[in-house]
Amino acid sequence: MEFLNLPSRTKVNRFIPKNAFDKYTSTKQKKLFVEKVSKITWLNKLSEETVNLAAKEIKEIQIFRLELKKKEDIQELLEVIDKSIPYPIIFLVQYNEQLYFSCSSKHPHPINEDSSVIDWTFNSPWQKSNENNYLLNLRTSLDWVYKDFCVQLSGKEDLKKSSLEAIISHQKQVDIVEKDISKLKSAISRMKQFNKKVELNNELNEKKKELKKLKGV
């Protein structure tokens, strides 16, 4: 099934053995690949040659599909693959008739040239495969295509005019505030002193206001 409606000339459809990433995995991660992943397929390659779009900082975009044995989190394994390949990767993670997309912004490791450092990861929610609303809009440049897809996964369409760096900075701010809110809620549930509880509640309300502002709701 074609999920992203890409031109036929972008198709690769090449099986990738799970042990192809052994150089980058721990013993535990090797075991997780075996236990959780049924099959890895390199579906598509987007480049100047295959989509006739300018390549600036991003020279290629790869599309990988990982078929799972069970519906569970495999972010750790996606990071292993992402760090081992220098080009941006859009992952299509599938379990039966359900799927989600994941992609990361990354940069070369300053010491190990064979590895990448992940700056931020964008994930879609799980969805039915026949209800996919995410598309690779092939226009302007490969850089624009990738940023546009990241924006779609972030759910923040109002950030379309921002740079990918600005979008990541915004997402990191949201993440920090959400973690602060979680910590405050835990502290409030444990707090016995009434005055301190009131103080923490006030702080929690301020954080909630900050989160609403960041999310534009």
Foldseek 3Di string as FASTA:
>chain_A
DDQAPFDPLFFDFAWDDPCVLVVQDDPVVSVCCVQWFDTKTFTGKDACVRQVFAADPAGIETEMETETPDPDDDVVVVQSVQFQDQHWYWYWYDYVQKTKIKTFDWAADPPDNRTIGTLDMFIADIDGSVPDPQYQDDDHHPLLSVLVRSCVSVVPPVCSVPHSVVVSVLVVVLVVLVVVLVVLVVVLVPDDDPVVNVVSVVVNVVSVVVNCVSSVD
